[in-house]
N, C-alpha and C. Protein backbone atom coordinates (compact mmCIF):
# COMPACT_ATOMS: atom_id res chain seq x y z
N MET A 1 112.91 110.73 -68.28
CA MET A 1 112.17 109.82 -67.42
C MET A 1 110.79 110.40 -67.17
N PRO A 2 109.76 109.63 -67.48
CA PRO A 2 108.41 110.12 -67.23
C PRO A 2 108.16 110.34 -65.74
N SER A 3 107.27 111.26 -65.45
CA SER A 3 107.03 111.62 -64.05
C SER A 3 106.36 110.50 -63.26
N GLY A 4 105.69 109.57 -63.93
CA GLY A 4 105.00 108.50 -63.23
C GLY A 4 105.91 107.39 -62.74
N ARG A 5 107.12 107.32 -63.26
CA ARG A 5 108.03 106.24 -62.88
C ARG A 5 108.97 106.71 -61.78
N LEU A 6 109.16 105.85 -60.82
CA LEU A 6 110.03 106.19 -59.72
C LEU A 6 111.43 105.61 -59.87
N GLY A 7 111.56 104.52 -60.56
CA GLY A 7 112.86 103.87 -60.69
C GLY A 7 113.09 103.39 -62.10
N ALA A 8 114.20 102.73 -62.27
CA ALA A 8 114.55 102.19 -63.58
C ALA A 8 113.63 101.02 -63.92
N VAL A 9 113.42 100.82 -65.20
CA VAL A 9 112.58 99.72 -65.66
C VAL A 9 113.35 98.42 -65.48
N ARG A 10 112.70 97.45 -64.85
CA ARG A 10 113.34 96.15 -64.67
C ARG A 10 113.25 95.36 -65.96
N ARG A 11 114.37 94.87 -66.39
CA ARG A 11 114.39 94.03 -67.59
C ARG A 11 114.38 92.57 -67.17
N TRP A 12 113.67 91.78 -67.95
CA TRP A 12 113.61 90.36 -67.66
C TRP A 12 114.84 89.69 -68.24
N VAL A 13 115.47 88.88 -67.47
CA VAL A 13 116.61 88.11 -67.95
C VAL A 13 116.05 86.80 -68.50
N VAL A 14 116.05 86.69 -69.80
CA VAL A 14 115.38 85.57 -70.46
C VAL A 14 116.30 84.37 -70.58
N ARG A 15 117.60 84.59 -70.53
CA ARG A 15 118.54 83.51 -70.80
C ARG A 15 118.34 82.31 -69.88
N GLU A 16 118.20 82.54 -68.60
CA GLU A 16 118.04 81.42 -67.69
C GLU A 16 116.62 80.86 -67.69
N ARG A 17 115.65 81.69 -67.99
CA ARG A 17 114.26 81.23 -67.95
C ARG A 17 113.93 80.30 -69.11
N VAL A 18 114.63 80.44 -70.22
CA VAL A 18 114.38 79.55 -71.36
C VAL A 18 114.75 78.12 -70.98
N ALA A 19 115.77 77.94 -70.20
CA ALA A 19 116.18 76.60 -69.79
C ALA A 19 115.48 76.14 -68.51
N PHE A 20 114.96 77.06 -67.73
CA PHE A 20 114.33 76.69 -66.47
C PHE A 20 113.01 75.97 -66.68
N VAL A 21 112.23 76.37 -67.64
CA VAL A 21 110.91 75.77 -67.87
C VAL A 21 111.02 74.30 -68.29
N PRO A 22 111.86 73.94 -69.28
CA PRO A 22 111.97 72.51 -69.60
C PRO A 22 112.54 71.69 -68.46
N ALA A 23 113.42 72.26 -67.66
CA ALA A 23 113.97 71.53 -66.52
C ALA A 23 112.87 71.22 -65.51
N VAL A 24 112.01 72.17 -65.23
CA VAL A 24 110.92 71.96 -64.28
C VAL A 24 109.93 70.94 -64.83
N VAL A 25 109.61 71.04 -66.11
CA VAL A 25 108.69 70.07 -66.72
C VAL A 25 109.29 68.67 -66.68
N GLY A 26 110.58 68.55 -66.97
CA GLY A 26 111.24 67.25 -66.91
C GLY A 26 111.24 66.66 -65.51
N VAL A 27 111.48 67.49 -64.51
CA VAL A 27 111.47 67.01 -63.12
C VAL A 27 110.06 66.60 -62.71
N LEU A 28 109.07 67.34 -63.14
CA LEU A 28 107.68 66.96 -62.81
C LEU A 28 107.30 65.63 -63.46
N ILE A 29 107.69 65.42 -64.70
CA ILE A 29 107.40 64.15 -65.37
C ILE A 29 108.15 63.02 -64.67
N LEU A 30 109.41 63.27 -64.32
CA LEU A 30 110.20 62.26 -63.62
C LEU A 30 109.57 61.90 -62.28
N SER A 31 109.08 62.89 -61.55
CA SER A 31 108.43 62.61 -60.27
C SER A 31 107.14 61.83 -60.47
N LEU A 32 106.41 62.09 -61.55
CA LEU A 32 105.20 61.33 -61.84
C LEU A 32 105.54 59.86 -62.09
N VAL A 33 106.62 59.63 -62.83
CA VAL A 33 107.03 58.24 -63.10
C VAL A 33 107.46 57.55 -61.81
N ILE A 34 108.15 58.27 -60.95
CA ILE A 34 108.60 57.68 -59.68
C ILE A 34 107.41 57.36 -58.78
N VAL A 35 106.45 58.28 -58.71
CA VAL A 35 105.28 58.07 -57.84
C VAL A 35 104.45 56.88 -58.31
N THR A 36 104.29 56.73 -59.61
CA THR A 36 103.50 55.61 -60.13
C THR A 36 104.32 54.34 -60.28
N ARG A 37 105.58 54.39 -59.90
CA ARG A 37 106.51 53.26 -59.98
C ARG A 37 106.68 52.75 -61.40
N GLY A 38 106.43 53.60 -62.37
CA GLY A 38 106.67 53.26 -63.76
C GLY A 38 105.75 52.22 -64.35
N GLU A 39 104.62 51.99 -63.71
CA GLU A 39 103.72 50.96 -64.20
C GLU A 39 103.06 51.35 -65.53
N GLN A 40 102.55 52.57 -65.61
CA GLN A 40 101.86 53.00 -66.81
C GLN A 40 102.56 54.17 -67.50
N THR A 41 103.48 54.82 -66.82
CA THR A 41 104.03 56.06 -67.36
C THR A 41 105.53 55.99 -67.66
N ALA A 42 106.07 54.80 -67.80
CA ALA A 42 107.50 54.67 -68.06
C ALA A 42 107.88 55.26 -69.41
N TRP A 43 106.98 55.29 -70.36
CA TRP A 43 107.29 55.83 -71.68
C TRP A 43 107.52 57.34 -71.62
N LEU A 44 107.05 58.00 -70.57
CA LEU A 44 107.26 59.44 -70.42
C LEU A 44 108.72 59.80 -70.18
N MET A 45 109.52 58.80 -69.80
CA MET A 45 110.95 59.06 -69.61
C MET A 45 111.62 59.45 -70.93
N TRP A 46 111.04 59.03 -72.06
CA TRP A 46 111.56 59.43 -73.37
C TRP A 46 111.39 60.93 -73.60
N ILE A 47 110.49 61.54 -72.87
CA ILE A 47 110.28 62.99 -72.96
C ILE A 47 111.05 63.71 -71.86
N ALA A 48 111.01 63.18 -70.65
CA ALA A 48 111.59 63.86 -69.50
C ALA A 48 113.11 63.96 -69.56
N LEU A 49 113.78 62.89 -69.90
CA LEU A 49 115.24 62.91 -69.88
C LEU A 49 115.84 63.86 -70.93
N PRO A 50 115.37 63.86 -72.17
CA PRO A 50 115.91 64.85 -73.11
C PRO A 50 115.62 66.29 -72.71
N LEU A 51 114.45 66.54 -72.12
CA LEU A 51 114.15 67.89 -71.65
C LEU A 51 115.15 68.34 -70.59
N MET A 52 115.42 67.47 -69.64
CA MET A 52 116.35 67.83 -68.58
C MET A 52 117.78 67.94 -69.11
N MET A 53 118.18 67.05 -70.01
CA MET A 53 119.54 67.11 -70.55
C MET A 53 119.76 68.38 -71.36
N LEU A 54 118.80 68.75 -72.18
CA LEU A 54 118.94 69.97 -72.98
C LEU A 54 118.95 71.22 -72.11
N SER A 55 118.10 71.25 -71.10
CA SER A 55 118.06 72.44 -70.25
C SER A 55 119.32 72.57 -69.40
N LEU A 56 119.85 71.46 -68.89
CA LEU A 56 121.08 71.53 -68.12
C LEU A 56 122.26 71.90 -69.00
N GLY A 57 122.29 71.41 -70.23
CA GLY A 57 123.33 71.81 -71.17
C GLY A 57 123.24 73.29 -71.51
N TYR A 58 122.03 73.78 -71.65
CA TYR A 58 121.83 75.21 -71.93
C TYR A 58 122.28 76.06 -70.75
N PHE A 59 121.98 75.60 -69.53
CA PHE A 59 122.48 76.31 -68.34
C PHE A 59 124.00 76.38 -68.35
N ALA A 60 124.65 75.27 -68.70
CA ALA A 60 126.11 75.22 -68.70
C ALA A 60 126.69 76.16 -69.76
N VAL A 61 126.11 76.19 -70.95
CA VAL A 61 126.60 77.05 -72.02
C VAL A 61 126.42 78.52 -71.66
N ILE A 62 125.26 78.87 -71.15
CA ILE A 62 125.00 80.26 -70.80
C ILE A 62 125.91 80.72 -69.67
N SER A 63 126.10 79.89 -68.66
CA SER A 63 126.98 80.30 -67.56
C SER A 63 128.43 80.37 -68.04
N LEU A 64 128.84 79.48 -68.94
CA LEU A 64 130.19 79.53 -69.47
C LEU A 64 130.42 80.80 -70.28
N LEU A 65 129.45 81.15 -71.12
CA LEU A 65 129.59 82.37 -71.91
C LEU A 65 129.59 83.62 -71.04
N SER A 66 128.78 83.63 -70.00
CA SER A 66 128.75 84.80 -69.13
C SER A 66 130.07 84.94 -68.36
N VAL A 67 130.71 83.84 -68.03
CA VAL A 67 132.00 83.91 -67.35
C VAL A 67 133.08 84.35 -68.32
N LEU A 68 133.07 83.80 -69.54
CA LEU A 68 134.09 84.15 -70.51
C LEU A 68 134.03 85.61 -70.95
N TYR A 69 132.84 86.13 -71.11
CA TYR A 69 132.68 87.50 -71.57
C TYR A 69 132.55 88.50 -70.42
N GLY A 70 132.52 88.02 -69.19
CA GLY A 70 132.47 88.91 -68.03
C GLY A 70 131.14 89.60 -67.83
N LYS A 71 130.08 89.06 -68.43
CA LYS A 71 128.76 89.65 -68.25
C LYS A 71 128.06 88.95 -67.09
N GLY A 72 127.15 89.64 -66.48
CA GLY A 72 126.40 89.08 -65.38
C GLY A 72 127.02 89.31 -64.03
N GLU A 73 128.15 89.96 -63.97
CA GLU A 73 128.79 90.22 -62.69
C GLU A 73 128.08 91.32 -61.92
N ASP A 74 127.42 92.23 -62.62
CA ASP A 74 126.76 93.33 -61.95
C ASP A 74 125.36 92.99 -61.48
N ARG A 75 124.85 91.80 -61.75
CA ARG A 75 123.52 91.41 -61.31
C ARG A 75 123.54 91.02 -59.87
């Protein structure tokens, strides 16, 4: 351990962040469509809904695998 470091190096958990970004983008697009009442931006739902569906499915798969393999319990 180098003398300049006081603790362990924090590792980034990428598994959940890969799905978090499309979910946030999908929710933001959905809120834009709701605020404008779908007058001009209803076509954006073709982008928002698949983004949210894929990210929620990815969340489900990752959480299922972490439960099955017993990883993530020490976090």
